Amino acid sequence: QLQLVESGGGLVQPGGSLRLSCLVSGLPLDYVVAAWFRQAPGKEREGVAGISNTGGITNYADSVKGRFTISKDKTKNTVYLQMNSLKFEDSGVYSCAAETVIEPTGPVVMGLDWSDFDYRGQGTQVTVSS
């Protein structure tokens, strides 16, 4: 069983930056594939970024490529989402999601499909506004 707790959301002006954190408890991150999703009011949930269990492989939605970076700190068992050059349309509730790897003999990568992840956090609000 994993537990995920997000933090770091808030209000930021367009062009600004935020760093979201997802503290993972229950397993070391070598056993965890993780991703960030977001949902704006009235819109469908969107996969933003994913990272392999090893941390060496990442994937991003086209809308955030070059602006967002997903990473892992295994010493803190935390997954981060660094968001730069934020735009109005980046606003929404950001949620961390994770799936476990039984035997981490190599990198495991998953697509950005919410339904594929068994473990989800409560979410943190990001508002980009002037």
C-alpha atoms as a PDB file:
ATOM      1  CA  GLN A   1       0.000   0.000   0.000  1.00  0.00           C
ATOM      2  CA  LEU A   2       1.213   3.456  -0.890  1.00  0.00           C
ATOM      3  CA  GLN A   3       0.204   6.801   0.506  1.00  0.00           C
ATOM      4  CA  LEU A   4       0.750   9.975  -1.474  1.00  0.00           C
ATOM      5  CA  VAL A   5       0.665  13.480  -0.048  1.00  0.00           C
ATOM      6  CA  GLU A   6       1.037  16.498  -2.331  1.00  0.00           C
ATOM      7  CA  SER A   7       2.157  19.968  -1.366  1.00  0.00           C
ATOM      8  CA  GLY A   8       3.469  23.126  -2.967  1.00  0.00           C
ATOM      9  CA  GLY A   9       0.455  24.489  -4.772  1.00  0.00           C
ATOM     10  CA  GLY A  10      -0.567  28.115  -4.592  1.00  0.00           C
ATOM     11  CA  LEU A  11      -1.207  31.339  -6.432  1.00  0.00           C
ATOM     12  CA  VAL A  12       1.376  32.499  -8.962  1.00  0.00           C
ATOM     13  CA  GLN A  13       1.494  35.137 -11.685  1.00  0.00           C
ATOM     14  CA  PRO A  14       1.837  34.189 -15.354  1.00  0.00           C
ATOM     15  CA  GLY A  15       5.465  33.510 -16.155  1.00  0.00           C
ATOM     16  CA  GLY A  16       6.191  32.461 -12.594  1.00  0.00           C
ATOM     17  CA  SER A  17       7.300  29.148 -11.142  1.00  0.00           C
ATOM     18  CA  LEU A  18       6.130  26.619  -8.587  1.00  0.00           C
ATOM     19  CA  ARG A  19       7.486  23.307  -7.371  1.00  0.00           C
ATOM     20  CA  LEU A  20       5.031  20.611  -6.354  1.00  0.00           C
ATOM     21  CA  SER A  21       6.046  17.761  -4.058  1.00  0.00           C
ATOM     22  CA  CYS A  22       4.558  14.307  -3.665  1.00  0.00           C
ATOM     23  CA  LEU A  23       5.727  12.489  -0.550  1.00  0.00           C
ATOM     24  CA  VAL A  24       5.425   8.745  -1.097  1.00  0.00           C
ATOM     25  CA  SER A  25       5.211   6.381   1.851  1.00  0.00           C
ATOM     26  CA  GLY A  26       5.015   2.608   1.832  1.00  0.00           C
ATOM     27  CA  LEU A  27       7.790   1.618  -0.587  1.00  0.00           C
ATOM     28  CA  PRO A  28      11.157   2.965  -1.780  1.00  0.00           C
ATOM     29  CA  LEU A  29      10.862   4.939  -5.012  1.00  0.00           C
ATOM     30  CA  ASP A  30      12.755   2.251  -6.956  1.00  0.00           C
ATOM     31  CA  TYR A  31       9.509   0.278  -6.697  1.00  0.00           C
ATOM     32  CA  VAL A  32       7.275   3.172  -7.755  1.00  0.00           C
ATOM     33  CA  VAL A  33       6.286   4.556 -11.166  1.00  0.00           C
ATOM     34  CA  ALA A  34       4.789   8.012 -10.665  1.00  0.00           C
ATOM     35  CA  ALA A  35       2.996  10.721 -12.577  1.00  0.00           C
ATOM     36  CA  TRP A  36       1.332  14.084 -12.166  1.00  0.00           C
ATOM     37  CA  PHE A  37      -2.150  14.848 -13.436  1.00  0.00           C
ATOM     38  CA  ARG A  38      -4.206  18.008 -13.406  1.00  0.00           C
ATOM     39  CA  GLN A  39      -7.834  18.931 -13.738  1.00  0.00           C
ATOM     40  CA  ALA A  40      -9.314  22.352 -14.354  1.00  0.00           C
ATOM     41  CA  PRO A  41     -12.976  23.151 -13.624  1.00  0.00           C
ATOM     42  CA  GLY A  42     -15.199  21.850 -16.392  1.00  0.00           C
ATOM     43  CA  LYS A  43     -12.359  20.016 -18.115  1.00  0.00           C
ATOM     44  CA  GLU A  44     -11.206  16.427 -18.228  1.00  0.00           C
ATOM     45  CA  ARG A  45      -8.269  15.281 -16.171  1.00  0.00           C
ATOM     46  CA  GLU A  46      -5.000  15.555 -18.115  1.00  0.00           C
ATOM     47  CA  GLY A  47      -1.757  13.643 -17.680  1.00  0.00           C
ATOM     48  CA  VAL A  48       1.059  16.151 -17.264  1.00  0.00           C
ATOM     49  CA  ALA A  49       4.266  14.208 -16.630  1.00  0.00           C
ATOM     50  CA  GLY A  50       5.439  10.715 -15.727  1.00  0.00           C
ATOM     51  CA  ILE A  51       8.644   9.186 -14.412  1.00  0.00           C
ATOM     52  CA  SER A  52       9.940   5.632 -14.360  1.00  0.00           C
ATOM     53  CA  ASN A  53      10.722   3.712 -11.193  1.00  0.00           C
ATOM     54  CA  THR A  54      14.447   4.258 -11.768  1.00  0.00           C
ATOM     55  CA  GLY A  55      13.922   7.962 -12.420  1.00  0.00           C
ATOM     56  CA  GLY A  56      15.861   7.781 -15.650  1.00  0.00           C
ATOM     57  CA  ILE A  57      12.935   7.991 -18.059  1.00  0.00           C
ATOM     58  CA  THR A  58      10.370  10.763 -18.147  1.00  0.00           C
ATOM     59  CA  ASN A  59       7.450  11.653 -20.404  1.00  0.00           C
ATOM     60  CA  TYR A  60       5.441  14.846 -20.745  1.00  0.00           C
ATOM     61  CA  ALA A  61       2.261  16.150 -22.244  1.00  0.00           C
ATOM     62  CA  ASP A  62       2.947  18.348 -25.271  1.00  0.00           C
ATOM     63  CA  SER A  63       1.348  21.288 -23.473  1.00  0.00           C
ATOM     64  CA  VAL A  64       4.095  21.345 -20.802  1.00  0.00           C
ATOM     65  CA  LYS A  65       7.205  20.151 -22.639  1.00  0.00           C
ATOM     66  CA  GLY A  66      10.123  22.479 -22.079  1.00  0.00           C
ATOM     67  CA  ARG A  67       8.411  24.168 -19.128  1.00  0.00           C
ATOM     68  CA  PHE A  68       7.784  21.389 -16.577  1.00  0.00           C
ATOM     69  CA  THR A  69      10.259  18.888 -15.135  1.00  0.00           C
ATOM     70  CA  ILE A  70       9.379  15.774 -13.153  1.00  0.00           C
ATOM     71  CA  SER A  71      12.036  14.263 -10.890  1.00  0.00           C
ATOM     72  CA  LYS A  72      12.568  11.967  -7.936  1.00  0.00           C
ATOM     73  CA  ASP A  73      14.602  12.344  -4.760  1.00  0.00           C
ATOM     74  CA  LYS A  74      15.044   8.828  -3.460  1.00  0.00           C
ATOM     75  CA  THR A  75      16.616  10.015  -0.212  1.00  0.00           C
ATOM     76  CA  LYS A  76      13.392  11.877   0.589  1.00  0.00           C
ATOM     77  CA  ASN A  77      11.043   9.422  -1.141  1.00  0.00           C
ATOM     78  CA  THR A  78       9.534  12.393  -2.910  1.00  0.00           C
ATOM     79  CA  VAL A  79       8.471  13.061  -6.490  1.00  0.00           C
ATOM     80  CA  TYR A  80       8.666  16.672  -7.683  1.00  0.00           C
ATOM     81  CA  LEU A  81       7.092  18.663 -10.473  1.00  0.00           C
ATOM     82  CA  GLN A  82       8.998  21.840 -11.246  1.00  0.00           C
ATOM     83  CA  MET A  83       6.755  24.179 -13.202  1.00  0.00           C
ATOM     84  CA  ASN A  84       8.260  27.189 -14.967  1.00  0.00           C
ATOM     85  CA  SER A  85       6.850  29.811 -17.330  1.00  0.00           C
ATOM     86  CA  LEU A  86       3.379  29.157 -15.961  1.00  0.00           C
ATOM     87  CA  LYS A  87       0.366  30.134 -18.043  1.00  0.00           C
ATOM     88  CA  PHE A  88      -3.265  30.832 -17.168  1.00  0.00           C
ATOM     89  CA  GLU A  89      -4.225  27.487 -18.676  1.00  0.00           C
ATOM     90  CA  ASP A  90      -1.930  25.632 -16.238  1.00  0.00           C
ATOM     91  CA  SER A  91      -4.375  26.345 -13.423  1.00  0.00           C
ATOM     92  CA  GLY A  92      -6.090  23.380 -11.838  1.00  0.00           C
ATOM     93  CA  VAL A  93      -5.899  20.735  -9.164  1.00  0.00           C
ATOM     94  CA  TYR A  94      -2.668  18.793  -9.519  1.00  0.00           C
ATOM     95  CA  SER A  95      -2.622  15.222  -8.272  1.00  0.00           C
ATOM     96  CA  CYS A  96       0.171  12.758  -7.862  1.00  0.00           C
ATOM     97  CA  ALA A  97      -0.442   9.151  -8.879  1.00  0.00           C
ATOM     98  CA  ALA A  98       1.657   6.032  -8.526  1.00  0.00           C
ATOM     99  CA  GLU A  99       1.868   2.375  -9.364  1.00  0.00           C
ATOM    100  CA  THR A 100       4.132  -0.246  -7.820  1.00  0.00           C
ATOM    101  CA  VAL A 101       6.747  -2.390  -9.511  1.00  0.00           C
ATOM    102  CA  ILE A 102       7.077  -5.908  -8.133  1.00  0.00           C
ATOM    103  CA  GLU A 103      10.701  -6.524  -9.142  1.00  0.00           C
ATOM    104  CA  PRO A 104      12.644  -3.416 -10.187  1.00  0.00           C
ATOM    105  CA  THR A 105      15.198  -5.178 -12.355  1.00  0.00           C
ATOM    106  CA  GLY A 106      15.071  -2.315 -14.855  1.00  0.00           C
ATOM    107  CA  PRO A 107      13.168   0.822 -15.771  1.00  0.00           C
ATOM    108  CA  VAL A 108       9.397   0.573 -15.986  1.00  0.00           C
ATOM    109  CA  VAL A 109       7.525   3.304 -17.823  1.00  0.00           C
ATOM    110  CA  MET A 110       3.791   3.962 -17.923  1.00  0.00           C
ATOM    111  CA  GLY A 111       1.628   6.155 -20.082  1.00  0.00           C
ATOM    112  CA  LEU A 112      -0.253   9.132 -18.706  1.00  0.00           C
ATOM    113  CA  ASP A 113      -3.553   7.379 -18.165  1.00  0.00           C
ATOM    114  CA  TRP A 114      -5.194   8.084 -14.793  1.00  0.00           C
ATOM    115  CA  SER A 115      -7.003   4.758 -14.755  1.00  0.00           C
ATOM    116  CA  ASP A 116      -3.711   2.818 -14.863  1.00  0.00           C
ATOM    117  CA  PHE A 117      -2.545   4.146 -11.495  1.00  0.00           C
ATOM    118  CA  ASP A 118      -3.905   2.474  -8.368  1.00  0.00           C
ATOM    119  CA  TYR A 119      -2.600   5.048  -5.911  1.00  0.00           C
ATOM    120  CA  ARG A 120      -3.604   8.714  -5.997  1.00  0.00           C
ATOM    121  CA  GLY A 121      -3.113  11.733  -3.789  1.00  0.00           C
ATOM    122  CA  GLN A 122      -5.713  14.266  -2.710  1.00  0.00           C
ATOM    123  CA  GLY A 123      -4.407  16.993  -4.969  1.00  0.00           C
ATOM    124  CA  THR A 124      -3.078  20.513  -4.568  1.00  0.00           C
ATOM    125  CA  GLN A 125      -4.505  23.646  -6.149  1.00  0.00           C
ATOM    126  CA  VAL A 126      -2.439  25.679  -8.596  1.00  0.00           C
ATOM    127  CA  THR A 127      -3.831  29.033  -9.672  1.00  0.00           C
ATOM    128  CA  VAL A 128      -2.104  31.148 -12.292  1.00  0.00           C
ATOM    129  CA  SER A 129      -3.521  34.641 -12.190  1.00  0.00           C
ATOM    130  CA  SER A 130      -2.434  38.229 -12.511  1.00  0.00           C
END
